[in-house]
Amino acid sequence: MKYCIGIPCLLGVSHTQEAIESVIHHADVELVLIDNGAEQSVKELLSVYETLPNVHVIHNPENIFVNPAWNQIMEYFLDSDCDYLM
């Protein structure tokens, strides 16, 4: 089974990094990160993870708020080969 985990990102680089690190090293996880018009430190963090094969970053030029960001995660999940969305 493969899991898709989505994280909308805006503020709080340390919490964002902690959330990413808690799941990134699992072989059965595909991570979708939403740059939701994030602050610069979060953007820089996402650019580091974006190079990994199991990470996909969607960049929004401005904050589209959380519900539309979740919709972007759902759209990615529906087009993926993942079994579950978290």
C-alpha atoms as a PDB file:
ATOM      1  CA  MET A   1       0.000   0.000   0.000  1.00  0.00           C
ATOM      2  CA  LYS A   2       1.136   3.503  -0.785  1.00  0.00           C
ATOM      3  CA  TYR A   3       0.154   6.602   1.180  1.00  0.00           C
ATOM      4  CA  CYS A   4      -0.117  10.169  -0.056  1.00  0.00           C
ATOM      5  CA  ILE A   5       0.466  12.691   2.711  1.00  0.00           C
ATOM      6  CA  GLY A   6      -0.351  16.320   2.041  1.00  0.00           C
ATOM      7  CA  ILE A   7       0.943  19.288   4.007  1.00  0.00           C
ATOM      8  CA  PRO A   8      -0.099  22.878   3.253  1.00  0.00           C
ATOM      9  CA  CYS A   9       2.853  25.124   4.173  1.00  0.00           C
ATOM     10  CA  LEU A  10       2.747  28.816   5.041  1.00  0.00           C
ATOM     11  CA  LEU A  11       4.512  29.758   8.304  1.00  0.00           C
ATOM     12  CA  GLY A  12       6.700  28.085  10.904  1.00  0.00           C
ATOM     13  CA  VAL A  13       9.785  26.583   9.334  1.00  0.00           C
ATOM     14  CA  SER A  14      10.680  24.428  12.362  1.00  0.00           C
ATOM     15  CA  HIS A  15       7.201  22.870  12.579  1.00  0.00           C
ATOM     16  CA  THR A  16       7.127  22.370   8.809  1.00  0.00           C
ATOM     17  CA  GLN A  17      10.497  20.614   8.874  1.00  0.00           C
ATOM     18  CA  GLU A  18       9.424  18.437  11.803  1.00  0.00           C
ATOM     19  CA  ALA A  19       6.251  17.377   9.969  1.00  0.00           C
ATOM     20  CA  ILE A  20       8.183  16.562   6.786  1.00  0.00           C
ATOM     21  CA  GLU A  21      10.918  14.650   8.594  1.00  0.00           C
ATOM     22  CA  SER A  22       8.356  12.565  10.461  1.00  0.00           C
ATOM     23  CA  VAL A  23       7.215  10.918   7.198  1.00  0.00           C
ATOM     24  CA  ILE A  24       9.814  11.514   4.482  1.00  0.00           C
ATOM     25  CA  HIS A  25      11.905   8.395   5.033  1.00  0.00           C
ATOM     26  CA  HIS A  26       9.082   5.866   4.731  1.00  0.00           C
ATOM     27  CA  ALA A  27       9.301   3.956   1.459  1.00  0.00           C
ATOM     28  CA  ASP A  28       5.530   3.710   1.078  1.00  0.00           C
ATOM     29  CA  VAL A  29       4.869   7.479   1.310  1.00  0.00           C
ATOM     30  CA  GLU A  30       4.470  10.102  -1.372  1.00  0.00           C
ATOM     31  CA  LEU A  31       4.565  13.582   0.110  1.00  0.00           C
ATOM     32  CA  VAL A  32       2.710  16.545  -1.404  1.00  0.00           C
ATOM     33  CA  LEU A  33       3.794  19.906  -0.034  1.00  0.00           C
ATOM     34  CA  ILE A  34       1.793  23.016  -0.851  1.00  0.00           C
ATOM     35  CA  ASP A  35       3.812  26.236  -0.906  1.00  0.00           C
ATOM     36  CA  ASN A  36       0.781  28.313  -0.041  1.00  0.00           C
ATOM     37  CA  GLY A  37       2.468  31.676  -0.512  1.00  0.00           C
ATOM     38  CA  ALA A  38       4.845  30.620   2.260  1.00  0.00           C
ATOM     39  CA  GLU A  39       7.312  32.844   4.057  1.00  0.00           C
ATOM     40  CA  GLN A  40      10.838  32.807   2.582  1.00  0.00           C
ATOM     41  CA  SER A  41      12.337  30.441   5.164  1.00  0.00           C
ATOM     42  CA  VAL A  42       9.623  27.849   4.417  1.00  0.00           C
ATOM     43  CA  LYS A  43      10.146  28.280   0.645  1.00  0.00           C
ATOM     44  CA  GLU A  44      13.876  27.578   1.116  1.00  0.00           C
ATOM     45  CA  LEU A  45      13.095  24.479   3.178  1.00  0.00           C
ATOM     46  CA  LEU A  46      10.679  23.156   0.549  1.00  0.00           C
ATOM     47  CA  SER A  47      13.283  23.636  -2.182  1.00  0.00           C
ATOM     48  CA  VAL A  48      15.583  21.222  -0.319  1.00  0.00           C
ATOM     49  CA  TYR A  49      12.953  18.467  -0.162  1.00  0.00           C
ATOM     50  CA  GLU A  50      11.649  19.120  -3.682  1.00  0.00           C
ATOM     51  CA  THR A  51      14.648  17.284  -5.126  1.00  0.00           C
ATOM     52  CA  LEU A  52      13.638  13.975  -3.515  1.00  0.00           C
ATOM     53  CA  PRO A  53      11.828  11.445  -5.715  1.00  0.00           C
ATOM     54  CA  ASN A  54       8.888  10.888  -3.354  1.00  0.00           C
ATOM     55  CA  VAL A  55       8.193  14.603  -2.820  1.00  0.00           C
ATOM     56  CA  HIS A  56       6.043  16.844  -4.986  1.00  0.00           C
ATOM     57  CA  VAL A  57       5.788  20.575  -4.259  1.00  0.00           C
ATOM     58  CA  ILE A  58       2.965  22.701  -5.620  1.00  0.00           C
ATOM     59  CA  HIS A  59       3.868  26.396  -5.622  1.00  0.00           C
ATOM     60  CA  ASN A  60       1.159  29.004  -5.149  1.00  0.00           C
ATOM     61  CA  PRO A  61       2.371  32.592  -5.639  1.00  0.00           C
ATOM     62  CA  GLU A  62       0.100  33.742  -2.822  1.00  0.00           C
ATOM     63  CA  ASN A  63      -1.875  32.234   0.040  1.00  0.00           C
ATOM     64  CA  ILE A  64      -5.019  30.636  -1.405  1.00  0.00           C
ATOM     65  CA  PHE A  65      -6.074  29.575   2.103  1.00  0.00           C
ATOM     66  CA  VAL A  66      -6.293  26.073   3.486  1.00  0.00           C
ATOM     67  CA  ASN A  67      -9.394  24.603   1.814  1.00  0.00           C
ATOM     68  CA  PRO A  68      -8.225  25.306  -1.761  1.00  0.00           C
ATOM     69  CA  ALA A  69      -4.791  23.984  -0.754  1.00  0.00           C
ATOM     70  CA  TRP A  70      -6.418  20.740   0.420  1.00  0.00           C
ATOM     71  CA  ASN A  71      -8.207  20.589  -2.926  1.00  0.00           C
ATOM     72  CA  GLN A  72      -4.826  20.750  -4.680  1.00  0.00           C
ATOM     73  CA  ILE A  73      -3.628  17.844  -2.550  1.00  0.00           C
ATOM     74  CA  MET A  74      -6.779  15.876  -3.393  1.00  0.00           C
ATOM     75  CA  GLU A  75      -6.309  16.519  -7.123  1.00  0.00           C
ATOM     76  CA  TYR A  76      -2.736  15.263  -6.898  1.00  0.00           C
ATOM     77  CA  PHE A  77      -3.866  12.169  -4.989  1.00  0.00           C
ATOM     78  CA  LEU A  78      -6.572  11.328  -7.523  1.00  0.00           C
ATOM     79  CA  ASP A  79      -3.975  11.372 -10.329  1.00  0.00           C
ATOM     80  CA  SER A  80      -1.426   9.348  -8.342  1.00  0.00           C
ATOM     81  CA  ASP A  81      -0.982   5.623  -7.776  1.00  0.00           C
ATOM     82  CA  CYS A  82      -1.431   6.050  -4.013  1.00  0.00           C
ATOM     83  CA  ASP A  83      -4.001   3.986  -2.143  1.00  0.00           C
ATOM     84  CA  TYR A  84      -4.695   6.305   0.787  1.00  0.00           C
ATOM     85  CA  LEU A  85      -4.662  10.045   1.398  1.00  0.00           C
ATOM     86  CA  MET A  86      -3.649  11.432   4.760  1.00  0.00           C
END
